[in-house]
PDB file of N, CA and C in Angstrom:
ATOM      1  N   MET A   1      10.727 -14.078  13.343  1.00  0.00           N
ATOM      2  CA  MET A   1      10.003 -13.240  12.648  1.00  0.00           C
ATOM      3  C   MET A   1      10.333 -11.978  12.734  1.00  0.00           C
ATOM      4  N   LYS A   2      10.133 -11.313  11.605  1.00  0.00           N
ATOM      5  CA  LYS A   2      10.405  -9.748  11.535  1.00  0.00           C
ATOM      6  C   LYS A   2       9.241  -8.868  11.565  1.00  0.00           C
ATOM      7  N   ASN A   3       9.408  -7.679  12.117  1.00  0.00           N
ATOM      8  CA  ASN A   3       8.385  -6.754  12.152  1.00  0.00           C
ATOM      9  C   ASN A   3       8.983  -5.649  11.685  1.00  0.00           C
ATOM     10  N   ILE A   4       8.474  -5.079  10.344  1.00  0.00           N
ATOM     11  CA  ILE A   4       9.057  -4.120   9.643  1.00  0.00           C
ATOM     12  C   ILE A   4       8.153  -3.010   9.660  1.00  0.00           C
ATOM     13  N   LYS A   5       8.903  -1.794   9.552  1.00  0.00           N
ATOM     14  CA  LYS A   5       8.101  -0.393   9.566  1.00  0.00           C
ATOM     15  C   LYS A   5       8.792   0.337   8.453  1.00  0.00           C
ATOM     16  N   VAL A   6       7.921   1.039   7.530  1.00  0.00           N
ATOM     17  CA  VAL A   6       8.174   1.702   6.285  1.00  0.00           C
ATOM     18  C   VAL A   6       7.372   3.033   6.365  1.00  0.00           C
ATOM     19  N   LYS A   7       8.128   3.990   6.381  1.00  0.00           N
ATOM     20  CA  LYS A   7       7.694   5.415   6.411  1.00  0.00           C
ATOM     21  C   LYS A   7       7.543   6.022   5.071  1.00  0.00           C
ATOM     22  N   VAL A   8       6.494   6.704   4.700  1.00  0.00           N
ATOM     23  CA  VAL A   8       6.488   7.027   3.262  1.00  0.00           C
ATOM     24  C   VAL A   8       7.422   8.193   3.172  1.00  0.00           C
ATOM     25  N   SER A   9       7.575   9.051   4.146  1.00  0.00           N
ATOM     26  CA  SER A   9       8.591  10.144   4.232  1.00  0.00           C
ATOM     27  C   SER A   9      10.015   9.637   3.929  1.00  0.00           C
ATOM     28  N   SER A  10      10.316   8.299   4.150  1.00  0.00           N
ATOM     29  CA  SER A  10      11.679   7.786   3.893  1.00  0.00           C
ATOM     30  C   SER A  10      11.858   7.662   2.370  1.00  0.00           C
ATOM     31  N   PHE A  11      10.751   7.443   1.747  1.00  0.00           N
ATOM     32  CA  PHE A  11      10.678   7.049   0.308  1.00  0.00           C
ATOM     33  C   PHE A  11      10.584   8.326  -0.541  1.00  0.00           C
ATOM     34  N   THR A  12       9.646   9.349  -0.084  1.00  0.00           N
ATOM     35  CA  THR A  12       9.573  10.417  -0.738  1.00  0.00           C
ATOM     36  C   THR A  12       9.051  11.613  -0.194  1.00  0.00           C
ATOM     37  N   LYS A  13       9.276  12.786  -0.109  1.00  0.00           N
ATOM     38  CA  LYS A  13       8.725  13.949   0.534  1.00  0.00           C
ATOM     39  C   LYS A  13       7.383  14.393  -0.230  1.00  0.00           C
ATOM     40  N   GLU A  14       7.142  13.850  -1.243  1.00  0.00           N
ATOM     41  CA  GLU A  14       6.030  14.425  -2.376  1.00  0.00           C
ATOM     42  C   GLU A  14       5.314  13.168  -2.897  1.00  0.00           C
ATOM     43  N   PRO A  15       4.621  12.502  -2.107  1.00  0.00           N
ATOM     44  CA  PRO A  15       3.748  11.248  -2.732  1.00  0.00           C
ATOM     45  C   PRO A  15       2.917  11.598  -3.726  1.00  0.00           C
ATOM     46  N   TYR A  16       2.968  11.325  -5.032  1.00  0.00           N
ATOM     47  CA  TYR A  16       1.994  11.806  -6.029  1.00  0.00           C
ATOM     48  C   TYR A  16       1.903  10.834  -7.124  1.00  0.00           C
ATOM     49  N   GLY A  17       0.602  10.860  -7.567  1.00  0.00           N
ATOM     50  CA  GLY A  17       0.253   9.772  -8.783  1.00  0.00           C
ATOM     51  C   GLY A  17       0.103   8.432  -8.563  1.00  0.00           C
ATOM     52  N   ARG A  18      -0.368   7.915  -9.791  1.00  0.00           N
ATOM     53  CA  ARG A  18      -0.627   6.201  -9.670  1.00  0.00           C
ATOM     54  C   ARG A  18       0.799   5.531 -10.357  1.00  0.00           C
ATOM     55  N   TYR A  19       1.074   6.097 -11.549  1.00  0.00           N
ATOM     56  CA  TYR A  19       2.132   5.125 -12.237  1.00  0.00           C
ATOM     57  C   TYR A  19       3.340   5.957 -12.356  1.00  0.00           C
ATOM     58  N   GLN A  20       4.358   4.759 -12.204  1.00  0.00           N
ATOM     59  CA  GLN A  20       5.764   5.424 -12.389  1.00  0.00           C
ATOM     60  C   GLN A  20       6.012   5.739 -13.617  1.00  0.00           C
ATOM     61  N   LYS A  21       5.618   5.150 -14.762  1.00  0.00           N
ATOM     62  CA  LYS A  21       6.055   5.766 -15.913  1.00  0.00           C
ATOM     63  C   LYS A  21       5.479   6.980 -16.326  1.00  0.00           C
ATOM     64  N   ILE A  22       4.272   7.597 -15.885  1.00  0.00           N
ATOM     65  CA  ILE A  22       3.647   8.669 -16.092  1.00  0.00           C
ATOM     66  C   ILE A  22       4.092   9.750 -15.051  1.00  0.00           C
ATOM     67  N   ASP A  23       3.991   9.368 -13.693  1.00  0.00           N
ATOM     68  CA  ASP A  23       3.878  10.324 -12.664  1.00  0.00           C
ATOM     69  C   ASP A  23       5.423  10.465 -12.012  1.00  0.00           C
ATOM     70  N   GLY A  24       6.289   9.323 -12.432  1.00  0.00           N
ATOM     71  CA  GLY A  24       7.674   9.452 -11.808  1.00  0.00           C
ATOM     72  C   GLY A  24       8.042   8.568 -10.702  1.00  0.00           C
ATOM     73  N   THR A  25       8.926   8.615  -9.957  1.00  0.00           N
ATOM     74  CA  THR A  25       9.429   8.017  -8.981  1.00  0.00           C
ATOM     75  C   THR A  25       8.781   8.103  -7.507  1.00  0.00           C
ATOM     76  N   SER A  26       7.916   9.253  -7.628  1.00  0.00           N
ATOM     77  CA  SER A  26       7.355   9.290  -6.209  1.00  0.00           C
ATOM     78  C   SER A  26       5.753   8.807  -6.251  1.00  0.00           C
ATOM     79  N   SER A  27       5.263   7.851  -7.278  1.00  0.00           N
ATOM     80  CA  SER A  27       4.155   7.258  -7.430  1.00  0.00           C
ATOM     81  C   SER A  27       3.870   6.227  -6.579  1.00  0.00           C
ATOM     82  N   GLY A  28       2.437   5.986  -6.434  1.00  0.00           N
ATOM     83  CA  GLY A  28       1.928   4.717  -5.738  1.00  0.00           C
ATOM     84  C   GLY A  28       2.547   3.573  -6.081  1.00  0.00           C
ATOM     85  N   GLU A  29       2.513   3.374  -7.532  1.00  0.00           N
ATOM     86  CA  GLU A  29       2.999   1.996  -8.095  1.00  0.00           C
ATOM     87  C   GLU A  29       4.561   1.932  -7.500  1.00  0.00           C
ATOM     88  N   GLN A  30       5.278   2.777  -7.666  1.00  0.00           N
ATOM     89  CA  GLN A  30       6.723   2.673  -7.246  1.00  0.00           C
ATOM     90  C   GLN A  30       6.850   2.462  -5.768  1.00  0.00           C
ATOM     91  N   PHE A  31       6.116   3.245  -4.968  1.00  0.00           N
ATOM     92  CA  PHE A  31       6.201   2.869  -3.482  1.00  0.00           C
ATOM     93  C   PHE A  31       5.758   1.381  -3.183  1.00  0.00           C
ATOM     94  N   ARG A  32       4.448   1.043  -3.874  1.00  0.00           N
ATOM     95  CA  ARG A  32       4.136  -0.277  -3.726  1.00  0.00           C
ATOM     96  C   ARG A  32       5.064  -1.456  -4.015  1.00  0.00           C
ATOM     97  N   LYS A  33       5.753  -1.118  -5.081  1.00  0.00           N
ATOM     98  CA  LYS A  33       6.592  -2.173  -5.713  1.00  0.00           C
ATOM     99  C   LYS A  33       7.929  -2.251  -4.924  1.00  0.00           C
ATOM    100  N   GLU A  34       8.665  -1.046  -4.492  1.00  0.00           N
ATOM    101  CA  GLU A  34       9.947  -0.934  -3.924  1.00  0.00           C
ATOM    102  C   GLU A  34       9.599  -1.123  -2.221  1.00  0.00           C
ATOM    103  N   GLU A  35       8.568  -0.667  -1.603  1.00  0.00           N
ATOM    104  CA  GLU A  35       8.564  -0.765  -0.232  1.00  0.00           C
ATOM    105  C   GLU A  35       7.577  -1.687   0.537  1.00  0.00           C
ATOM    106  N   ILE A  36       6.323  -2.215  -0.278  1.00  0.00           N
ATOM    107  CA  ILE A  36       5.555  -3.045   0.308  1.00  0.00           C
ATOM    108  C   ILE A  36       5.596  -4.534  -0.226  1.00  0.00           C
ATOM    109  N   VAL A  37       5.332  -4.690  -1.284  1.00  0.00           N
ATOM    110  CA  VAL A  37       5.390  -5.913  -1.966  1.00  0.00           C
ATOM    111  C   VAL A  37       6.336  -7.102  -1.388  1.00  0.00           C
ATOM    112  N   LYS A  38       7.651  -6.522  -1.355  1.00  0.00           N
ATOM    113  CA  LYS A  38       8.607  -7.347  -0.882  1.00  0.00           C
ATOM    114  C   LYS A  38       8.654  -7.890   0.176  1.00  0.00           C
ATOM    115  N   HIS A  39       7.952  -6.972   1.159  1.00  0.00           N
ATOM    116  CA  HIS A  39       8.039  -7.558   2.560  1.00  0.00           C
ATOM    117  C   HIS A  39       6.739  -8.357   2.904  1.00  0.00           C
ATOM    118  N   LEU A  40       5.534  -8.033   2.153  1.00  0.00           N
ATOM    119  CA  LEU A  40       4.567  -8.639   2.530  1.00  0.00           C
ATOM    120  C   LEU A  40       4.601 -10.267   1.752  1.00  0.00           C
ATOM    121  N   GLN A  41       5.421 -10.461   0.796  1.00  0.00           N
ATOM    122  CA  GLN A  41       5.596 -11.624   0.156  1.00  0.00           C
ATOM    123  C   GLN A  41       6.931 -12.544   0.744  1.00  0.00           C
ATOM    124  N   ASN A  42       7.431 -11.662   1.877  1.00  0.00           N
ATOM    125  CA  ASN A  42       8.544 -12.395   2.491  1.00  0.00           C
ATOM    126  C   ASN A  42       7.844 -13.146   3.715  1.00  0.00           C
ATOM    127  N   PRO A  43       8.162 -14.622   3.823  1.00  0.00           N
ATOM    128  CA  PRO A  43       7.589 -15.381   4.844  1.00  0.00           C
ATOM    129  C   PRO A  43       8.200 -15.104   6.074  1.00  0.00           C
ATOM    130  N   GLU A  44       9.480 -14.662   6.166  1.00  0.00           N
ATOM    131  CA  GLU A  44      10.053 -14.116   7.345  1.00  0.00           C
ATOM    132  C   GLU A  44       9.262 -13.050   8.007  1.00  0.00           C
ATOM    133  N   VAL A  45       8.811 -12.256   7.283  1.00  0.00           N
ATOM    134  CA  VAL A  45       8.084 -11.115   7.838  1.00  0.00           C
ATOM    135  C   VAL A  45       6.529 -11.375   8.680  1.00  0.00           C
ATOM    136  N   GLU A  46       6.397 -10.886   9.776  1.00  0.00           N
ATOM    137  CA  GLU A  46       5.320 -11.246  10.343  1.00  0.00           C
ATOM    138  C   GLU A  46       4.186 -10.131  10.355  1.00  0.00           C
ATOM    139  N   THR A  47       4.756  -8.726  10.416  1.00  0.00           N
ATOM    140  CA  THR A  47       4.019  -7.569  10.393  1.00  0.00           C
ATOM    141  C   THR A  47       4.883  -6.479   9.483  1.00  0.00           C
ATOM    142  N   LEU A  48       4.013  -5.784   8.516  1.00  0.00           N
ATOM    143  CA  LEU A  48       4.768  -4.765   7.875  1.00  0.00           C
ATOM    144  C   LEU A  48       3.776  -3.593   8.380  1.00  0.00           C
ATOM    145  N   THR A  49       4.246  -2.523   9.019  1.00  0.00           N
ATOM    146  CA  THR A  49       3.646  -1.357   9.272  1.00  0.00           C
ATOM    147  C   THR A  49       3.986  -0.230   8.250  1.00  0.00           C
ATOM    148  N   VAL A  50       3.119   0.154   7.526  1.00  0.00           N
ATOM    149  CA  VAL A  50       3.329   1.260   6.631  1.00  0.00           C
ATOM    150  C   VAL A  50       2.927   2.618   7.422  1.00  0.00           C
ATOM    151  N   ILE A  51       3.675   3.464   7.492  1.00  0.00           N
ATOM    152  CA  ILE A  51       3.490   4.787   8.296  1.00  0.00           C
ATOM    153  C   ILE A  51       3.323   5.699   7.128  1.00  0.00           C
ATOM    154  N   LEU A  52       1.996   6.485   7.133  1.00  0.00           N
ATOM    155  CA  LEU A  52       1.639   7.646   6.265  1.00  0.00           C
ATOM    156  C   LEU A  52       1.947   8.814   7.073  1.00  0.00           C
ATOM    157  N   ASP A  53       3.200   9.063   7.074  1.00  0.00           N
ATOM    158  CA  ASP A  53       3.638  10.467   7.952  1.00  0.00           C
ATOM    159  C   ASP A  53       3.769  11.641   7.399  1.00  0.00           C
ATOM    160  N   ALA A  54       4.061  12.643   7.932  1.00  0.00           N
ATOM    161  CA  ALA A  54       4.102  13.974   7.418  1.00  0.00           C
ATOM    162  C   ALA A  54       4.953  14.202   6.208  1.00  0.00           C
ATOM    163  N   VAL A  55       4.586  14.479   5.047  1.00  0.00           N
ATOM    164  CA  VAL A  55       5.268  14.799   3.825  1.00  0.00           C
ATOM    165  C   VAL A  55       5.016  16.378   3.587  1.00  0.00           C
ATOM    166  N   ASN A  56       5.298  16.809   2.402  1.00  0.00           N
ATOM    167  CA  ASN A  56       5.269  18.090   1.869  1.00  0.00           C
ATOM    168  C   ASN A  56       3.870  18.447   1.268  1.00  0.00           C
ATOM    169  N   MET A  57       3.145  17.332   1.060  1.00  0.00           N
ATOM    170  CA  MET A  57       1.669  17.531   0.441  1.00  0.00           C
ATOM    171  C   MET A  57       0.732  16.690   1.076  1.00  0.00           C
ATOM    172  N   ASP A  58      -0.505  16.774   0.843  1.00  0.00           N
ATOM    173  CA  ASP A  58      -1.424  15.771   1.228  1.00  0.00           C
ATOM    174  C   ASP A  58      -1.305  14.568   0.311  1.00  0.00           C
ATOM    175  N   TYR A  59      -1.878  13.432   0.778  1.00  0.00           N
ATOM    176  CA  TYR A  59      -1.849  12.103   0.111  1.00  0.00           C
ATOM    177  C   TYR A  59      -3.102  12.183  -1.012  1.00  0.00           C
ATOM    178  N   THR A  60      -2.573  12.029  -2.272  1.00  0.00           N
ATOM    179  CA  THR A  60      -3.620  11.925  -3.478  1.00  0.00           C
ATOM    180  C   THR A  60      -4.276  10.659  -3.351  1.00  0.00           C
ATOM    181  N   SER A  61      -5.535  10.664  -3.852  1.00  0.00           N
ATOM    182  CA  SER A  61      -6.347   9.542  -3.973  1.00  0.00           C
ATOM    183  C   SER A  61      -5.543   8.443  -4.897  1.00  0.00           C
ATOM    184  N   SER A  62      -5.037   8.907  -5.949  1.00  0.00           N
ATOM    185  CA  SER A  62      -4.325   8.096  -7.112  1.00  0.00           C
ATOM    186  C   SER A  62      -2.852   7.235  -6.128  1.00  0.00           C
ATOM    187  N   PHE A  63      -2.224   8.164  -5.238  1.00  0.00           N
ATOM    188  CA  PHE A  63      -1.186   7.571  -4.960  1.00  0.00           C
ATOM    189  C   PHE A  63      -1.452   6.253  -3.834  1.00  0.00           C
ATOM    190  N   LEU A  64      -2.797   6.397  -3.076  1.00  0.00           N
ATOM    191  CA  LEU A  64      -3.154   5.727  -2.049  1.00  0.00           C
ATOM    192  C   LEU A  64      -3.724   4.722  -2.735  1.00  0.00           C
ATOM    193  N   SER A  65      -4.592   4.941  -3.819  1.00  0.00           N
ATOM    194  CA  SER A  65      -5.364   3.639  -4.530  1.00  0.00           C
ATOM    195  C   SER A  65      -4.275   2.694  -5.164  1.00  0.00           C
ATOM    196  N   GLU A  66      -3.285   3.279  -5.709  1.00  0.00           N
ATOM    197  CA  GLU A  66      -2.356   2.364  -6.545  1.00  0.00           C
ATOM    198  C   GLU A  66      -1.347   1.747  -5.277  1.00  0.00           C
ATOM    199  N   ALA A  67      -0.990   2.500  -4.460  1.00  0.00           N
ATOM    200  CA  ALA A  67       0.034   1.892  -3.551  1.00  0.00           C
ATOM    201  C   ALA A  67      -0.936   0.720  -2.810  1.00  0.00           C
ATOM    202  N   PHE A  68      -1.951   0.628  -2.460  1.00  0.00           N
ATOM    203  CA  PHE A  68      -2.841  -0.098  -1.458  1.00  0.00           C
ATOM    204  C   PHE A  68      -3.620  -1.155  -2.262  1.00  0.00           C
ATOM    205  N   GLY A  69      -4.609  -0.318  -3.140  1.00  0.00           N
ATOM    206  CA  GLY A  69      -5.580  -1.247  -3.916  1.00  0.00           C
ATOM    207  C   GLY A  69      -4.664  -2.054  -4.855  1.00  0.00           C
ATOM    208  N   GLY A  70      -3.662  -1.743  -5.420  1.00  0.00           N
ATOM    209  CA  GLY A  70      -2.731  -2.248  -6.227  1.00  0.00           C
ATOM    210  C   GLY A  70      -2.033  -3.478  -5.715  1.00  0.00           C
ATOM    211  N   LEU A  71      -1.930  -3.704  -4.492  1.00  0.00           N
ATOM    212  CA  LEU A  71      -1.842  -5.016  -3.986  1.00  0.00           C
ATOM    213  C   LEU A  71      -2.635  -6.021  -4.130  1.00  0.00           C
ATOM    214  N   VAL A  72      -3.897  -5.630  -4.400  1.00  0.00           N
ATOM    215  CA  VAL A  72      -4.971  -6.672  -4.466  1.00  0.00           C
ATOM    216  C   VAL A  72      -5.173  -6.948  -6.203  1.00  0.00           C
ATOM    217  N   THR A  73      -5.084  -5.888  -6.885  1.00  0.00           N
ATOM    218  CA  THR A  73      -5.619  -5.722  -8.272  1.00  0.00           C
ATOM    219  C   THR A  73      -4.170  -6.234  -9.325  1.00  0.00           C
ATOM    220  N   LYS A  74      -3.047  -5.593  -8.894  1.00  0.00           N
ATOM    221  CA  LYS A  74      -1.832  -5.859  -9.565  1.00  0.00           C
ATOM    222  C   LYS A  74      -0.931  -6.942  -9.159  1.00  0.00           C
ATOM    223  N   ASP A  75      -0.506  -6.875  -8.053  1.00  0.00           N
ATOM    224  CA  ASP A  75       0.202  -7.907  -7.468  1.00  0.00           C
ATOM    225  C   ASP A  75      -0.333  -9.031  -6.809  1.00  0.00           C
ATOM    226  N   LYS A  76      -1.783  -8.939  -6.997  1.00  0.00           N
ATOM    227  CA  LYS A  76      -2.370 -10.384  -6.395  1.00  0.00           C
ATOM    228  C   LYS A  76      -1.943 -10.950  -4.870  1.00  0.00           C
ATOM    229  N   ILE A  77      -1.684 -10.089  -4.345  1.00  0.00           N
ATOM    230  CA  ILE A  77      -1.131 -10.464  -2.923  1.00  0.00           C
ATOM    231  C   ILE A  77      -2.467 -11.473  -2.125  1.00  0.00           C
ATOM    232  N   SER A  78      -2.008 -12.373  -1.592  1.00  0.00           N
ATOM    233  CA  SER A  78      -2.953 -13.213  -0.824  1.00  0.00           C
ATOM    234  C   SER A  78      -3.583 -12.611   0.393  1.00  0.00           C
ATOM    235  N   ASP A  79      -4.891 -13.063   0.693  1.00  0.00           N
ATOM    236  CA  ASP A  79      -5.290 -12.647   1.837  1.00  0.00           C
ATOM    237  C   ASP A  79      -4.655 -12.895   2.884  1.00  0.00           C
ATOM    238  N   SER A  80      -3.806 -13.814   3.289  1.00  0.00           N
ATOM    239  CA  SER A  80      -2.935 -14.108   4.393  1.00  0.00           C
ATOM    240  C   SER A  80      -1.756 -13.157   4.274  1.00  0.00           C
ATOM    241  N   ASP A  81      -1.356 -12.991   3.078  1.00  0.00           N
ATOM    242  CA  ASP A  81      -0.057 -11.935   3.087  1.00  0.00           C
ATOM    243  C   ASP A  81      -0.592 -10.598   3.615  1.00  0.00           C
ATOM    244  N   LEU A  82      -1.755 -10.025   2.863  1.00  0.00           N
ATOM    245  CA  LEU A  82      -2.445  -8.910   3.162  1.00  0.00           C
ATOM    246  C   LEU A  82      -2.635  -8.605   4.889  1.00  0.00           C
ATOM    247  N   SER A  83      -3.092  -9.783   5.369  1.00  0.00           N
ATOM    248  CA  SER A  83      -3.213  -9.774   6.945  1.00  0.00           C
ATOM    249  C   SER A  83      -2.206  -9.090   7.695  1.00  0.00           C
ATOM    250  N   LYS A  84      -0.796  -9.361   6.950  1.00  0.00           N
ATOM    251  CA  LYS A  84       0.442  -8.831   7.650  1.00  0.00           C
ATOM    252  C   LYS A  84       0.429  -7.363   7.798  1.00  0.00           C
ATOM    253  N   LEU A  85      -0.334  -6.402   6.893  1.00  0.00           N
ATOM    254  CA  LEU A  85      -0.336  -5.179   6.724  1.00  0.00           C
ATOM    255  C   LEU A  85      -0.994  -4.484   7.633  1.00  0.00           C
ATOM    256  N   ILE A  86      -0.184  -3.336   8.302  1.00  0.00           N
ATOM    257  CA  ILE A  86      -0.950  -2.372   9.517  1.00  0.00           C
ATOM    258  C   ILE A  86      -0.599  -1.130   8.702  1.00  0.00           C
ATOM    259  N   ILE A  87      -1.516  -0.456   8.547  1.00  0.00           N
ATOM    260  CA  ILE A  87      -1.515   1.078   8.369  1.00  0.00           C
ATOM    261  C   ILE A  87      -1.624   2.228   9.452  1.00  0.00           C
ATOM    262  N   GLU A  88      -0.529   2.919   9.545  1.00  0.00           N
ATOM    263  CA  GLU A  88      -0.736   3.960  10.489  1.00  0.00           C
ATOM    264  C   GLU A  88      -0.762   5.193   9.702  1.00  0.00           C
ATOM    265  N   ALA A  89      -1.180   6.282  10.212  1.00  0.00           N
ATOM    266  CA  ALA A  89      -1.190   7.541   9.728  1.00  0.00           C
ATOM    267  C   ALA A  89      -1.182   8.778  10.749  1.00  0.00           C
ATOM    268  N   ASP A  90      -0.801   9.960  10.249  1.00  0.00           N
ATOM    269  CA  ASP A  90      -0.786  11.246  10.968  1.00  0.00           C
ATOM    270  C   ASP A  90      -2.314  11.611  11.012  1.00  0.00           C
ATOM    271  N   ASP A  91      -2.771  11.320   9.697  1.00  0.00           N
ATOM    272  CA  ASP A  91      -4.299  11.775   9.462  1.00  0.00           C
ATOM    273  C   ASP A  91      -5.086  10.476   9.231  1.00  0.00           C
ATOM    274  N   PRO A  92      -6.014  10.340  10.299  1.00  0.00           N
ATOM    275  CA  PRO A  92      -6.737   9.015  10.319  1.00  0.00           C
ATOM    276  C   PRO A  92      -7.742   9.046   9.067  1.00  0.00           C
ATOM    277  N   LEU A  93      -7.919  10.105   8.290  1.00  0.00           N
ATOM    278  CA  LEU A  93      -8.496   9.969   6.941  1.00  0.00           C
ATOM    279  C   LEU A  93      -7.789   8.995   5.899  1.00  0.00           C
ATOM    280  N   ASP A  94      -6.412   9.484   5.832  1.00  0.00           N
ATOM    281  CA  ASP A  94      -5.425   8.775   5.021  1.00  0.00           C
ATOM    282  C   ASP A  94      -5.577   7.170   5.355  1.00  0.00           C
ATOM    283  N   LYS A  95      -5.496   6.806   6.577  1.00  0.00           N
ATOM    284  CA  LYS A  95      -5.806   5.521   6.934  1.00  0.00           C
ATOM    285  C   LYS A  95      -6.726   4.878   6.502  1.00  0.00           C
ATOM    286  N   SER A  96      -7.892   5.492   6.745  1.00  0.00           N
ATOM    287  CA  SER A  96      -9.390   4.849   6.527  1.00  0.00           C
ATOM    288  C   SER A  96      -9.401   4.790   5.004  1.00  0.00           C
ATOM    289  N   ARG A  97      -8.901   5.862   4.170  1.00  0.00           N
ATOM    290  CA  ARG A  97      -8.957   5.766   2.725  1.00  0.00           C
ATOM    291  C   ARG A  97      -8.148   4.442   2.235  1.00  0.00           C
ATOM    292  N   SER A  98      -6.858   4.401   2.722  1.00  0.00           N
ATOM    293  CA  SER A  98      -6.104   3.223   2.231  1.00  0.00           C
ATOM    294  C   SER A  98      -6.637   1.838   2.720  1.00  0.00           C
ATOM    295  N   GLU A  99      -7.060   1.773   3.636  1.00  0.00           N
ATOM    296  CA  GLU A  99      -7.633   0.457   4.124  1.00  0.00           C
ATOM    297  C   GLU A  99      -8.922   0.152   3.230  1.00  0.00           C
ATOM    298  N   ARG A 100      -9.581   1.308   3.108  1.00  0.00           N
ATOM    299  CA  ARG A 100     -10.897   1.204   2.134  1.00  0.00           C
ATOM    300  C   ARG A 100     -10.477   0.734   0.810  1.00  0.00           C
ATOM    301  N   TYR A 101      -9.618   1.311   0.265  1.00  0.00           N
ATOM    302  CA  TYR A 101      -8.962   0.664  -1.198  1.00  0.00           C
ATOM    303  C   TYR A 101      -8.655  -0.850  -1.178  1.00  0.00           C
ATOM    304  N   ILE A 102      -7.975  -1.112  -0.134  1.00  0.00           N
ATOM    305  CA  ILE A 102      -7.695  -2.708   0.083  1.00  0.00           C
ATOM    306  C   ILE A 102      -8.963  -3.464   0.137  1.00  0.00           C
ATOM    307  N   SER A 103     -10.019  -3.175   0.946  1.00  0.00           N
ATOM    308  CA  SER A 103     -11.220  -3.977   1.270  1.00  0.00           C
ATOM    309  C   SER A 103     -12.217  -3.661   0.103  1.00  0.00           C
ATOM    310  N   SER A 104     -11.892  -2.880  -0.724  1.00  0.00           N
ATOM    311  CA  SER A 104     -13.128  -2.590  -1.673  1.00  0.00           C
ATOM    312  C   SER A 104     -12.618  -3.645  -2.827  1.00  0.00           C
ATOM    313  N   PHE A 105     -11.151  -3.575  -3.148  1.00  0.00           N
ATOM    314  CA  PHE A 105     -10.869  -4.529  -4.158  1.00  0.00           C
ATOM    315  C   PHE A 105     -10.837  -5.984  -3.812  1.00  0.00           C
ATOM    316  N   LYS A 106     -10.583  -6.167  -2.421  1.00  0.00           N
ATOM    317  CA  LYS A 106     -10.928  -7.787  -2.095  1.00  0.00           C
ATOM    318  C   LYS A 106     -12.213  -8.062  -2.106  1.00  0.00           C
ATOM    319  N   SER A 107     -13.125  -7.277  -1.905  1.00  0.00           N
ATOM    320  CA  SER A 107     -14.490  -7.540  -2.077  1.00  0.00           C
ATOM    321  C   SER A 107     -14.861  -7.886  -3.338  1.00  0.00           C
ATOM    322  N   LYS A 108     -14.517  -6.951  -4.385  1.00  0.00           N
ATOM    323  CA  LYS A 108     -14.508  -7.274  -5.830  1.00  0.00           C
ATOM    324  C   LYS A 108     -13.941  -8.672  -6.073  1.00  0.00           C
ATOM    325  N   ARG A 109     -12.881  -8.829  -5.720  1.00  0.00           N
ATOM    326  CA  ARG A 109     -12.065 -10.087  -6.053  1.00  0.00           C
ATOM    327  C   ARG A 109     -12.897 -11.444  -5.350  1.00  0.00           C
ATOM    328  N   ALA A 110     -13.650 -11.310  -4.377  1.00  0.00           N
ATOM    329  CA  ALA A 110     -14.316 -12.376  -3.969  1.00  0.00           C
ATOM    330  C   ALA A 110     -15.748 -12.568  -4.750  1.00  0.00           C
ATOM    331  N   LYS A 111     -16.175 -11.557  -5.086  1.00  0.00           N
ATOM    332  CA  LYS A 111     -17.500 -11.527  -5.904  1.00  0.00           C
ATOM    333  C   LYS A 111     -17.063 -12.278  -7.115  1.00  0.00           C
ATOM    334  N   LYS A 112     -15.782 -12.146  -7.816  1.00  0.00           N
ATOM    335  CA  LYS A 112     -15.384 -12.972  -8.843  1.00  0.00           C
ATOM    336  C   LYS A 112     -15.005 -14.278  -8.361  1.00  0.00           C
ATOM    337  N   ASN A 113     -15.079 -14.733  -7.202  1.00  0.00           N
ATOM    338  CA  ASN A 113     -14.881 -16.003  -6.653  1.00  0.00           C
ATOM    339  C   ASN A 113     -13.160 -16.317  -7.158  1.00  0.00           C
ATOM    340  N   ILE A 114     -12.280 -15.398  -7.011  1.00  0.00           N
ATOM    341  CA  ILE A 114     -10.963 -15.559  -7.225  1.00  0.00           C
ATOM    342  C   ILE A 114     -10.175 -15.659  -5.986  1.00  0.00           C
ATOM    343  N   GLU A 115      -9.463 -16.709  -5.723  1.00  0.00           N
ATOM    344  CA  GLU A 115      -8.569 -16.821  -4.466  1.00  0.00           C
ATOM    345  C   GLU A 115      -7.025 -16.743  -4.834  1.00  0.00           C
ATOM    346  N   PHE A 116      -6.307 -15.955  -4.154  1.00  0.00           N
ATOM    347  CA  PHE A 116      -4.822 -15.939  -4.197  1.00  0.00           C
ATOM    348  C   PHE A 116      -4.328 -16.325  -2.918  1.00  0.00           C
TER     349      PHE A 116
END
């Protein structure tokens, strides 16, 4: 089993925006698609640690919501695959916000009685 670590700073120094088409290659959507989903869906990966480390700007809510909440709403990642995800951050508020996006959308999914 593999334990993977992904640093946002290795992806971009300026994480910004929600959608790749509108906001460009530093968007939450692009980060989610390129750096998170492939590892969570890989059965050989035991844990994926995403590190919200020092970058040139603060993490925007649109970036975090799309990167993490989008795992539930867009990619339909299963609860068992989501359990592989560990979020670390230089700023505890960034970690809390990211985890809250996931749990909020998981809660909405549960209310609709949808299981992935």
